């Protein structure tokens, strides 16, 4: 069996930090509705893979040209879902650990 590495958790942490940075930039500059949409340069961001993914998920919405805004309602819903998934995974892992421990395999 291959050794367990923490690189997945580290990568997830980096992505989460970058995602929060993008959300904060749009909030800080008030780009949270179609009327207040701003260019990426105005909010201090540049194109990148994570921003592209957030656009595909309609968290960052293009209103035309180079103007975008953060869909705050959708962002809150996605964050809620993310928390539920993390909680469920944590419970499943805890149950597996307890079962393995009770079977004497740990």
PDB file of N, CA and C in Angstrom:
ATOM      1  N   UNK A   1       0.842  -1.172   0.000  1.00  0.00           N
ATOM      2  CA  UNK A   1       0.000   0.000   0.000  1.00  0.00           C
ATOM      3  C   UNK A   1       0.893   1.243   0.000  1.00  0.00           C
ATOM      4  N   UNK A   2       0.520   2.224  -0.818  1.00  0.00           N
ATOM      5  CA  UNK A   2       1.307   3.447  -0.927  1.00  0.00           C
ATOM      6  C   UNK A   2       1.127   4.303   0.315  1.00  0.00           C
ATOM      7  N   UNK A   3       2.173   5.036   0.697  1.00  0.00           N
ATOM      8  CA  UNK A   3       2.048   5.902   1.863  1.00  0.00           C
ATOM      9  C   UNK A   3       1.004   6.987   1.616  1.00  0.00           C
ATOM     10  N   UNK A   4       0.298   7.360   2.664  1.00  0.00           N
ATOM     11  CA  UNK A   4      -0.716   8.406   2.556  1.00  0.00           C
ATOM     12  C   UNK A   4      -0.023   9.753   2.571  1.00  0.00           C
ATOM     13  N   UNK A   5      -0.432  10.596   1.666  1.00  0.00           N
ATOM     14  CA  UNK A   5       0.159  11.920   1.551  1.00  0.00           C
ATOM     15  C   UNK A   5      -0.893  12.969   1.873  1.00  0.00           C
ATOM     16  N   UNK A   6      -0.470  14.064   2.426  1.00  0.00           N
ATOM     17  CA  UNK A   6      -1.381  15.154   2.739  1.00  0.00           C
ATOM     18  C   UNK A   6      -1.524  16.137   1.600  1.00  0.00           C
ATOM     19  N   UNK A   7      -1.008  15.808   0.430  1.00  0.00           N
ATOM     20  CA  UNK A   7      -1.027  16.769  -0.676  1.00  0.00           C
ATOM     21  C   UNK A   7      -2.435  17.100  -1.141  1.00  0.00           C
ATOM     22  N   UNK A   8      -3.365  16.147  -1.038  1.00  0.00           N
ATOM     23  CA  UNK A   8      -4.751  16.428  -1.430  1.00  0.00           C
ATOM     24  C   UNK A   8      -5.370  17.479  -0.540  1.00  0.00           C
ATOM     25  N   UNK A   9      -5.138  17.362   0.758  1.00  0.00           N
ATOM     26  CA  UNK A   9      -5.669  18.342   1.698  1.00  0.00           C
ATOM     27  C   UNK A   9      -5.013  19.698   1.479  1.00  0.00           C
ATOM     28  N   UNK A  10      -3.729  19.694   1.200  1.00  0.00           N
ATOM     29  CA  UNK A  10      -3.013  20.946   0.945  1.00  0.00           C
ATOM     30  C   UNK A  10      -3.568  21.612  -0.303  1.00  0.00           C
ATOM     31  N   UNK A  11      -3.768  20.821  -1.367  1.00  0.00           N
ATOM     32  CA  UNK A  11      -4.316  21.363  -2.612  1.00  0.00           C
ATOM     33  C   UNK A  11      -5.706  21.929  -2.378  1.00  0.00           C
ATOM     34  N   UNK A  12      -6.550  21.204  -1.656  1.00  0.00           N
ATOM     35  CA  UNK A  12      -7.903  21.681  -1.362  1.00  0.00           C
ATOM     36  C   UNK A  12      -7.843  22.990  -0.574  1.00  0.00           C
ATOM     37  N   UNK A  13      -6.899  23.078   0.344  1.00  0.00           N
ATOM     38  CA  UNK A  13      -6.741  24.305   1.121  1.00  0.00           C
ATOM     39  C   UNK A  13      -6.330  25.486   0.263  1.00  0.00           C
ATOM     40  N   UNK A  14      -5.446  25.241  -0.681  1.00  0.00           N
ATOM     41  CA  UNK A  14      -5.001  26.310  -1.587  1.00  0.00           C
ATOM     42  C   UNK A  14      -6.154  26.784  -2.450  1.00  0.00           C
ATOM     43  N   UNK A  15      -6.924  25.839  -2.988  1.00  0.00           N
ATOM     44  CA  UNK A  15      -8.074  26.199  -3.833  1.00  0.00           C
ATOM     45  C   UNK A  15      -9.094  26.990  -3.009  1.00  0.00           C
ATOM     46  N   UNK A  16      -9.354  26.555  -1.793  1.00  0.00           N
ATOM     47  CA  UNK A  16     -10.314  27.257  -0.928  1.00  0.00           C
ATOM     48  C   UNK A  16      -9.840  28.683  -0.644  1.00  0.00           C
ATOM     49  N   UNK A  17      -8.550  28.827  -0.387  1.00  0.00           N
ATOM     50  CA  UNK A  17      -8.003  30.172  -0.122  1.00  0.00           C
ATOM     51  C   UNK A  17      -8.146  31.076  -1.345  1.00  0.00           C
ATOM     52  N   UNK A  18      -7.843  30.533  -2.533  1.00  0.00           N
ATOM     53  CA  UNK A  18      -7.969  31.314  -3.766  1.00  0.00           C
ATOM     54  C   UNK A  18      -9.427  31.660  -4.041  1.00  0.00           C
ATOM     55  N   UNK A  19     -10.328  30.717  -3.777  1.00  0.00           N
ATOM     56  CA  UNK A  19     -11.752  30.964  -3.989  1.00  0.00           C
ATOM     57  C   UNK A  19     -12.225  32.100  -3.069  1.00  0.00           C
ATOM     58  N   UNK A  20     -11.804  32.063  -1.801  1.00  0.00           N
ATOM     59  CA  UNK A  20     -12.171  33.142  -0.870  1.00  0.00           C
ATOM     60  C   UNK A  20     -11.609  34.481  -1.324  1.00  0.00           C
ATOM     61  N   UNK A  21     -10.403  34.471  -1.872  1.00  0.00           N
ATOM     62  CA  UNK A  21      -9.785  35.710  -2.366  1.00  0.00           C
ATOM     63  C   UNK A  21     -10.619  36.318  -3.498  1.00  0.00           C
ATOM     64  N   UNK A  22     -11.090  35.473  -4.404  1.00  0.00           N
ATOM     65  CA  UNK A  22     -11.899  35.952  -5.522  1.00  0.00           C
ATOM     66  C   UNK A  22     -13.215  36.521  -5.009  1.00  0.00           C
ATOM     67  N   UNK A  23     -13.874  35.802  -4.113  1.00  0.00           N
ATOM     68  CA  UNK A  23     -15.145  36.262  -3.544  1.00  0.00           C
ATOM     69  C   UNK A  23     -14.945  37.589  -2.821  1.00  0.00           C
ATOM     70  N   UNK A  24     -13.890  37.691  -2.008  1.00  0.00           N
ATOM     71  CA  UNK A  24     -13.610  38.930  -1.273  1.00  0.00           C
ATOM     72  C   UNK A  24     -13.377  40.101  -2.226  1.00  0.00           C
ATOM     73  N   UNK A  25     -12.665  39.862  -3.329  1.00  0.00           N
ATOM     74  CA  UNK A  25     -12.371  40.938  -4.283  1.00  0.00           C
ATOM     75  C   UNK A  25     -13.661  41.512  -4.865  1.00  0.00           C
ATOM     76  N   UNK A  26     -14.577  40.641  -5.263  1.00  0.00           N
ATOM     77  CA  UNK A  26     -15.837  41.124  -5.819  1.00  0.00           C
ATOM     78  C   UNK A  26     -16.659  41.850  -4.754  1.00  0.00           C
ATOM     79  N   UNK A  27     -16.716  41.304  -3.541  1.00  0.00           N
ATOM     80  CA  UNK A  27     -17.472  41.959  -2.462  1.00  0.00           C
ATOM     81  C   UNK A  27     -16.857  43.318  -2.113  1.00  0.00           C
ATOM     82  N   UNK A  28     -15.537  43.345  -1.980  1.00  0.00           N
ATOM     83  CA  UNK A  28     -14.830  44.578  -1.603  1.00  0.00           C
ATOM     84  C   UNK A  28     -15.125  45.711  -2.582  1.00  0.00           C
ATOM     85  N   UNK A  29     -15.205  45.369  -3.862  1.00  0.00           N
ATOM     86  CA  UNK A  29     -15.420  46.385  -4.888  1.00  0.00           C
ATOM     87  C   UNK A  29     -16.904  46.559  -5.230  1.00  0.00           C
ATOM     88  N   UNK A  30     -17.770  45.910  -4.472  1.00  0.00           N
ATOM     89  CA  UNK A  30     -19.200  46.105  -4.652  1.00  0.00           C
ATOM     90  C   UNK A  30     -19.782  45.488  -5.908  1.00  0.00           C
ATOM     91  N   UNK A  31     -19.064  44.574  -6.531  1.00  0.00           N
ATOM     92  CA  UNK A  31     -19.529  43.938  -7.776  1.00  0.00           C
ATOM     93  C   UNK A  31     -20.366  42.710  -7.428  1.00  0.00           C
ATOM     94  N   UNK A  32     -21.581  42.986  -6.915  1.00  0.00           N
ATOM     95  CA  UNK A  32     -22.437  41.892  -6.443  1.00  0.00           C
ATOM     96  C   UNK A  32     -23.825  41.906  -7.086  1.00  0.00           C
ATOM     97  N   UNK A  33     -23.960  42.632  -8.173  1.00  0.00           N
ATOM     98  CA  UNK A  33     -25.221  42.649  -8.911  1.00  0.00           C
ATOM     99  C   UNK A  33     -24.918  43.060 -10.347  1.00  0.00           C
ATOM    100  N   UNK A  34     -25.846  42.803 -11.263  1.00  0.00           N
ATOM    101  CA  UNK A  34     -25.610  43.222 -12.655  1.00  0.00           C
ATOM    102  C   UNK A  34     -25.353  44.729 -12.779  1.00  0.00           C
ATOM    103  N   UNK A  35     -26.015  45.501 -11.940  1.00  0.00           N
ATOM    104  CA  UNK A  35     -25.859  46.958 -12.003  1.00  0.00           C
ATOM    105  C   UNK A  35     -24.492  47.427 -11.522  1.00  0.00           C
ATOM    106  N   UNK A  36     -23.878  46.669 -10.632  1.00  0.00           N
ATOM    107  CA  UNK A  36     -22.591  47.082 -10.065  1.00  0.00           C
ATOM    108  C   UNK A  36     -21.421  46.264 -10.608  1.00  0.00           C
ATOM    109  N   UNK A  37     -21.646  45.538 -11.698  1.00  0.00           N
ATOM    110  CA  UNK A  37     -20.602  44.688 -12.291  1.00  0.00           C
ATOM    111  C   UNK A  37     -19.373  45.514 -12.638  1.00  0.00           C
ATOM    112  N   UNK A  38     -18.219  44.871 -12.503  1.00  0.00           N
ATOM    113  CA  UNK A  38     -16.936  45.535 -12.772  1.00  0.00           C
ATOM    114  C   UNK A  38     -16.071  44.624 -13.634  1.00  0.00           C
ATOM    115  N   UNK A  39     -15.047  45.213 -14.217  1.00  0.00           N
ATOM    116  CA  UNK A  39     -14.076  44.409 -14.963  1.00  0.00           C
ATOM    117  C   UNK A  39     -13.191  43.680 -13.961  1.00  0.00           C
ATOM    118  N   UNK A  40     -12.547  42.619 -14.436  1.00  0.00           N
ATOM    119  CA  UNK A  40     -11.621  41.883 -13.566  1.00  0.00           C
ATOM    120  C   UNK A  40     -10.501  42.798 -13.088  1.00  0.00           C
ATOM    121  N   UNK A  41     -10.026  43.660 -13.968  1.00  0.00           N
ATOM    122  CA  UNK A  41      -8.965  44.598 -13.581  1.00  0.00           C
ATOM    123  C   UNK A  41      -9.441  45.522 -12.460  1.00  0.00           C
ATOM    124  N   UNK A  42     -10.709  45.954 -12.534  1.00  0.00           N
ATOM    125  CA  UNK A  42     -11.257  46.846 -11.502  1.00  0.00           C
ATOM    126  C   UNK A  42     -11.298  46.183 -10.128  1.00  0.00           C
ATOM    127  N   UNK A  43     -11.492  44.864 -10.097  1.00  0.00           N
ATOM    128  CA  UNK A  43     -11.538  44.175  -8.809  1.00  0.00           C
ATOM    129  C   UNK A  43     -10.188  43.573  -8.440  1.00  0.00           C
ATOM    130  N   UNK A  44      -9.179  43.795  -9.275  1.00  0.00           N
ATOM    131  CA  UNK A  44      -7.829  43.351  -8.961  1.00  0.00           C
ATOM    132  C   UNK A  44      -7.553  41.890  -9.260  1.00  0.00           C
ATOM    133  N   UNK A  45      -8.265  41.329 -10.224  1.00  0.00           N
ATOM    134  CA  UNK A  45      -8.080  39.923 -10.576  1.00  0.00           C
ATOM    135  C   UNK A  45      -7.708  39.789 -12.039  1.00  0.00           C
ATOM    136  N   UNK A  46      -7.169  38.629 -12.366  1.00  0.00           N
ATOM    137  CA  UNK A  46      -6.903  38.299 -13.766  1.00  0.00           C
ATOM    138  C   UNK A  46      -7.493  36.919 -14.046  1.00  0.00           C
ATOM    139  N   UNK A  47      -7.626  36.603 -15.310  1.00  0.00           N
ATOM    140  CA  UNK A  47      -8.179  35.306 -15.699  1.00  0.00           C
ATOM    141  C   UNK A  47      -7.330  34.181 -15.113  1.00  0.00           C
ATOM    142  N   UNK A  48      -7.972  33.115 -14.749  1.00  0.00           N
ATOM    143  CA  UNK A  48      -7.290  31.934 -14.244  1.00  0.00           C
ATOM    144  C   UNK A  48      -8.260  30.770 -14.247  1.00  0.00           C
ATOM    145  N   UNK A  49      -7.745  29.589 -13.988  1.00  0.00           N
ATOM    146  CA  UNK A  49      -8.557  28.385 -14.035  1.00  0.00           C
ATOM    147  C   UNK A  49      -9.696  28.433 -13.019  1.00  0.00           C
ATOM    148  N   UNK A  50      -9.405  28.814 -11.786  1.00  0.00           N
ATOM    149  CA  UNK A  50     -10.448  28.842 -10.760  1.00  0.00           C
ATOM    150  C   UNK A  50     -11.529  29.860 -11.107  1.00  0.00           C
ATOM    151  N   UNK A  51     -11.137  31.014 -11.587  1.00  0.00           N
ATOM    152  CA  UNK A  51     -12.117  32.021 -11.992  1.00  0.00           C
ATOM    153  C   UNK A  51     -12.977  31.485 -13.138  1.00  0.00           C
ATOM    154  N   UNK A  52     -12.358  30.784 -14.061  1.00  0.00           N
ATOM    155  CA  UNK A  52     -13.090  30.170 -15.175  1.00  0.00           C
ATOM    156  C   UNK A  52     -14.122  29.162 -14.646  1.00  0.00           C
ATOM    157  N   UNK A  53     -13.716  28.335 -13.702  1.00  0.00           N
ATOM    158  CA  UNK A  53     -14.636  27.355 -13.102  1.00  0.00           C
ATOM    159  C   UNK A  53     -15.786  28.075 -12.404  1.00  0.00           C
ATOM    160  N   UNK A  54     -15.481  29.155 -11.689  1.00  0.00           N
ATOM    161  CA  UNK A  54     -16.517  29.906 -10.994  1.00  0.00           C
ATOM    162  C   UNK A  54     -17.495  30.540 -11.987  1.00  0.00           C
ATOM    163  N   UNK A  55     -17.008  30.920 -13.155  1.00  0.00           N
ATOM    164  CA  UNK A  55     -17.900  31.432 -14.206  1.00  0.00           C
ATOM    165  C   UNK A  55     -18.791  30.312 -14.729  1.00  0.00           C
ATOM    166  N   UNK A  56     -18.218  29.138 -14.948  1.00  0.00           N
ATOM    167  CA  UNK A  56     -19.007  28.004 -15.443  1.00  0.00           C
ATOM    168  C   UNK A  56     -20.106  27.620 -14.456  1.00  0.00           C
ATOM    169  N   UNK A  57     -19.840  27.777 -13.163  1.00  0.00           N
ATOM    170  CA  UNK A  57     -20.825  27.462 -12.125  1.00  0.00           C
ATOM    171  C   UNK A  57     -21.771  28.638 -11.873  1.00  0.00           C
ATOM    172  N   UNK A  58     -21.607  29.709 -12.633  1.00  0.00           N
ATOM    173  CA  UNK A  58     -22.437  30.916 -12.534  1.00  0.00           C
ATOM    174  C   UNK A  58     -22.330  31.598 -11.174  1.00  0.00           C
ATOM    175  N   UNK A  59     -21.173  31.435 -10.538  1.00  0.00           N
ATOM    176  CA  UNK A  59     -20.895  32.191  -9.325  1.00  0.00           C
ATOM    177  C   UNK A  59     -20.410  33.586  -9.709  1.00  0.00           C
ATOM    178  N   UNK A  60     -19.612  33.634 -10.754  1.00  0.00           N
ATOM    179  CA  UNK A  60     -19.163  34.890 -11.339  1.00  0.00           C
ATOM    180  C   UNK A  60     -19.895  35.003 -12.671  1.00  0.00           C
ATOM    181  N   UNK A  61     -20.646  36.087 -12.829  1.00  0.00           N
ATOM    182  CA  UNK A  61     -21.535  36.223 -13.980  1.00  0.00           C
ATOM    183  C   UNK A  61     -21.061  37.361 -14.872  1.00  0.00           C
ATOM    184  N   UNK A  62     -20.978  37.080 -16.166  1.00  0.00           N
ATOM    185  CA  UNK A  62     -20.600  38.084 -17.158  1.00  0.00           C
ATOM    186  C   UNK A  62     -21.863  38.800 -17.612  1.00  0.00           C
ATOM    187  N   UNK A  63     -21.874  40.137 -17.508  1.00  0.00           N
ATOM    188  CA  UNK A  63     -23.040  40.909 -17.934  1.00  0.00           C
ATOM    189  C   UNK A  63     -22.816  41.546 -19.299  1.00  0.00           C
ATOM    190  N   UNK A  64     -21.732  41.186 -19.933  1.00  0.00           N
ATOM    191  CA  UNK A  64     -21.422  41.738 -21.245  1.00  0.00           C
ATOM    192  C   UNK A  64     -20.063  42.398 -21.236  1.00  0.00           C
ATOM    193  N   UNK A  65     -19.404  42.277 -22.355  1.00  0.00           N
ATOM    194  CA  UNK A  65     -18.067  42.845 -22.438  1.00  0.00           C
ATOM    195  C   UNK A  65     -17.150  42.195 -21.435  1.00  0.00           C
ATOM    196  N   UNK A  66     -16.472  43.016 -20.677  1.00  0.00           N
ATOM    197  CA  UNK A  66     -15.547  42.478 -19.669  1.00  0.00           C
ATOM    198  C   UNK A  66     -16.028  42.765 -18.252  1.00  0.00           C
ATOM    199  N   UNK A  67     -17.348  42.919 -18.067  1.00  0.00           N
ATOM    200  CA  UNK A  67     -17.912  43.240 -16.751  1.00  0.00           C
ATOM    201  C   UNK A  67     -18.528  41.995 -16.120  1.00  0.00           C
ATOM    202  N   UNK A  68     -18.192  41.792 -14.825  1.00  0.00           N
ATOM    203  CA  UNK A  68     -18.625  40.603 -14.088  1.00  0.00           C
ATOM    204  C   UNK A  68     -19.120  41.008 -12.708  1.00  0.00           C
ATOM    205  N   UNK A  69     -19.927  40.120 -12.118  1.00  0.00           N
ATOM    206  CA  UNK A  69     -20.323  40.310 -10.725  1.00  0.00           C
ATOM    207  C   UNK A  69     -20.416  38.957 -10.036  1.00  0.00           C
ATOM    208  N   UNK A  70     -20.351  38.990  -8.714  1.00  0.00           N
ATOM    209  CA  UNK A  70     -20.496  37.800  -7.890  1.00  0.00           C
ATOM    210  C   UNK A  70     -21.973  37.606  -7.587  1.00  0.00           C
ATOM    211  N   UNK A  71     -22.515  36.449  -7.947  1.00  0.00           N
ATOM    212  CA  UNK A  71     -23.900  36.112  -7.605  1.00  0.00           C
ATOM    213  C   UNK A  71     -23.873  35.621  -6.159  1.00  0.00           C
ATOM    214  N   UNK A  72     -24.175  36.521  -5.232  1.00  0.00           N
ATOM    215  CA  UNK A  72     -24.018  36.220  -3.810  1.00  0.00           C
ATOM    216  C   UNK A  72     -24.973  35.125  -3.334  1.00  0.00           C
ATOM    217  N   UNK A  73     -26.182  35.102  -3.862  1.00  0.00           N
ATOM    218  CA  UNK A  73     -27.137  34.065  -3.447  1.00  0.00           C
ATOM    219  C   UNK A  73     -26.633  32.688  -3.868  1.00  0.00           C
ATOM    220  N   UNK A  74     -26.152  32.593  -5.093  1.00  0.00           N
ATOM    221  CA  UNK A  74     -25.631  31.310  -5.577  1.00  0.00           C
ATOM    222  C   UNK A  74     -24.373  30.916  -4.807  1.00  0.00           C
ATOM    223  N   UNK A  75     -23.522  31.892  -4.501  1.00  0.00           N
ATOM    224  CA  UNK A  75     -22.285  31.620  -3.759  1.00  0.00           C
ATOM    225  C   UNK A  75     -22.613  31.075  -2.370  1.00  0.00           C
ATOM    226  N   UNK A  76     -23.606  31.653  -1.698  1.00  0.00           N
ATOM    227  CA  UNK A  76     -24.018  31.156  -0.378  1.00  0.00           C
ATOM    228  C   UNK A  76     -24.555  29.735  -0.470  1.00  0.00           C
ATOM    229  N   UNK A  77     -25.357  29.460  -1.510  1.00  0.00           N
ATOM    230  CA  UNK A  77     -25.927  28.115  -1.680  1.00  0.00           C
ATOM    231  C   UNK A  77     -24.826  27.090  -1.927  1.00  0.00           C
ATOM    232  N   UNK A  78     -23.854  27.435  -2.762  1.00  0.00           N
ATOM    233  CA  UNK A  78     -22.745  26.522  -3.053  1.00  0.00           C
ATOM    234  C   UNK A  78     -21.918  26.290  -1.794  1.00  0.00           C
ATOM    235  N   UNK A  79     -21.688  27.333  -1.026  1.00  0.00           N
ATOM    236  CA  UNK A  79     -20.913  27.201   0.209  1.00  0.00           C
ATOM    237  C   UNK A  79     -21.644  26.313   1.216  1.00  0.00           C
ATOM    238  N   UNK A  80     -22.957  26.468   1.323  1.00  0.00           N
ATOM    239  CA  UNK A  80     -23.755  25.610   2.209  1.00  0.00           C
ATOM    240  C   UNK A  80     -23.628  24.154   1.794  1.00  0.00           C
ATOM    241  N   UNK A  81     -23.750  23.892   0.494  1.00  0.00           N
ATOM    242  CA  UNK A  81     -23.625  22.527  -0.022  1.00  0.00           C
ATOM    243  C   UNK A  81     -22.240  21.970   0.271  1.00  0.00           C
ATOM    244  N   UNK A  82     -21.223  22.790   0.082  1.00  0.00           N
ATOM    245  CA  UNK A  82     -19.844  22.360   0.340  1.00  0.00           C
ATOM    246  C   UNK A  82     -19.681  21.948   1.807  1.00  0.00           C
ATOM    247  N   UNK A  83     -20.257  22.722   2.714  1.00  0.00           N
ATOM    248  CA  UNK A  83     -20.160  22.395   4.142  1.00  0.00           C
ATOM    249  C   UNK A  83     -20.863  21.084   4.468  1.00  0.00           C
ATOM    250  N   UNK A  84     -22.014  20.864   3.862  1.00  0.00           N
ATOM    251  CA  UNK A  84     -22.751  19.612   4.093  1.00  0.00           C
ATOM    252  C   UNK A  84     -21.930  18.426   3.602  1.00  0.00           C
ATOM    253  N   UNK A  85     -21.355  18.541   2.417  1.00  0.00           N
ATOM    254  CA  UNK A  85     -20.544  17.454   1.863  1.00  0.00           C
ATOM    255  C   UNK A  85     -19.358  17.159   2.771  1.00  0.00           C
ATOM    256  N   UNK A  86     -18.679  18.182   3.241  1.00  0.00           N
ATOM    257  CA  UNK A  86     -17.535  17.987   4.136  1.00  0.00           C
ATOM    258  C   UNK A  86     -17.980  17.295   5.422  1.00  0.00           C
ATOM    259  N   UNK A  87     -19.114  17.698   5.963  1.00  0.00           N
ATOM    260  CA  UNK A  87     -19.613  17.079   7.194  1.00  0.00           C
ATOM    261  C   UNK A  87     -19.952  15.610   6.971  1.00  0.00           C
ATOM    262  N   UNK A  88     -20.600  15.300   5.865  1.00  0.00           N
ATOM    263  CA  UNK A  88     -20.966  13.910   5.562  1.00  0.00           C
ATOM    264  C   UNK A  88     -19.714  13.060   5.395  1.00  0.00           C
ATOM    265  N   UNK A  89     -18.732  13.569   4.663  1.00  0.00           N
ATOM    266  CA  UNK A  89     -17.482  12.825   4.474  1.00  0.00           C
ATOM    267  C   UNK A  89     -16.794  12.593   5.818  1.00  0.00           C
ATOM    268  N   UNK A  90     -16.783  13.593   6.671  1.00  0.00           N
ATOM    269  CA  UNK A  90     -16.153  13.442   7.986  1.00  0.00           C
ATOM    270  C   UNK A  90     -16.852  12.357   8.808  1.00  0.00           C
ATOM    271  N   UNK A  91     -18.176  12.321   8.769  1.00  0.00           N
ATOM    272  CA  UNK A  91     -18.925  11.298   9.511  1.00  0.00           C
ATOM    273  C   UNK A  91     -18.632   9.913   8.948  1.00  0.00           C
ATOM    274  N   UNK A  92     -18.620   9.787   7.623  1.00  0.00           N
ATOM    275  CA  UNK A  92     -18.333   8.487   6.995  1.00  0.00           C
ATOM    276  C   UNK A  92     -16.942   8.007   7.383  1.00  0.00           C
ATOM    277  N   UNK A  93     -15.958   8.887   7.327  1.00  0.00           N
ATOM    278  CA  UNK A  93     -14.591   8.509   7.698  1.00  0.00           C
ATOM    279  C   UNK A  93     -14.546   8.093   9.167  1.00  0.00           C
ATOM    280  N   UNK A  94     -15.224   8.831  10.026  1.00  0.00           N
ATOM    281  CA  UNK A  94     -15.236   8.483  11.453  1.00  0.00           C
ATOM    282  C   UNK A  94     -15.865   7.107  11.669  1.00  0.00           C
ATOM    283  N   UNK A  95     -16.956   6.821  10.981  1.00  0.00           N
ATOM    284  CA  UNK A  95     -17.610   5.514  11.109  1.00  0.00           C
ATOM    285  C   UNK A  95     -16.681   4.404  10.631  1.00  0.00           C
ATOM    286  N   UNK A  96     -16.006   4.619   9.519  1.00  0.00           N
ATOM    287  CA  UNK A  96     -15.074   3.610   8.997  1.00  0.00           C
ATOM    288  C   UNK A  96     -13.951   3.357   9.994  1.00  0.00           C
ATOM    289  N   UNK A  97     -13.407   4.420  10.564  1.00  0.00           N
ATOM    290  CA  UNK A  97     -12.325   4.277  11.542  1.00  0.00           C
ATOM    291  C   UNK A  97     -12.809   3.484  12.753  1.00  0.00           C
ATOM    292  N   UNK A  98     -13.985   3.797  13.250  1.00  0.00           N
ATOM    293  CA  UNK A  98     -14.521   3.084  14.416  1.00  0.00           C
ATOM    294  C   UNK A  98     -14.740   1.616  14.079  1.00  0.00           C
ATOM    295  N   UNK A  99     -15.307   1.325  12.927  1.00  0.00           N
ATOM    296  CA  UNK A  99     -15.550  -0.075  12.524  1.00  0.00           C
ATOM    297  C   UNK A  99     -14.233  -0.831  12.413  1.00  0.00           C
ATOM    298  N   UNK A 100     -13.257  -0.228  11.748  1.00  0.00           N
ATOM    299  CA  UNK A 100     -11.955  -0.887  11.602  1.00  0.00           C
ATOM    300  C   UNK A 100     -11.291  -1.097  12.956  1.00  0.00           C
ATOM    301  N   UNK A 101     -11.415  -0.141  13.857  1.00  0.00           N
ATOM    302  CA  UNK A 101     -10.829  -0.246  15.184  1.00  0.00           C
ATOM    303  C   UNK A 101     -11.504  -1.373  15.976  1.00  0.00           C
ATOM    304  N   UNK A 102     -12.851  -1.421  15.879  1.00  0.00           N
ATOM    305  CA  UNK A 102     -13.580  -2.470  16.593  1.00  0.00           C
ATOM    306  C   UNK A 102     -13.266  -3.869  16.055  1.00  0.00           C
ATOM    307  N   UNK A 103     -12.921  -3.934  14.756  1.00  0.00           N
ATOM    308  CA  UNK A 103     -12.563  -5.225  14.157  1.00  0.00           C
ATOM    309  C   UNK A 103     -11.115  -5.581  14.440  1.00  0.00           C
ATOM    310  N   UNK A 104     -10.396  -4.677  15.091  1.00  0.00           N
ATOM    311  CA  UNK A 104      -9.002  -4.932  15.410  1.00  0.00           C
ATOM    312  C   UNK A 104      -8.061  -4.724  14.239  1.00  0.00           C
ATOM    313  N   UNK A 105      -8.501  -4.015  13.240  1.00  0.00           N
ATOM    314  CA  UNK A 105      -7.676  -3.779  12.053  1.00  0.00           C
ATOM    315  C   UNK A 105      -6.898  -2.478  12.138  1.00  0.00           C
ATOM    316  N   UNK A 106      -7.042  -1.771  13.226  1.00  0.00           N
ATOM    317  CA  UNK A 106      -6.299  -0.507  13.386  1.00  0.00           C
ATOM    318  C   UNK A 106      -5.559  -0.519  14.692  1.00  0.00           C
TER     319      UNK A 106
END
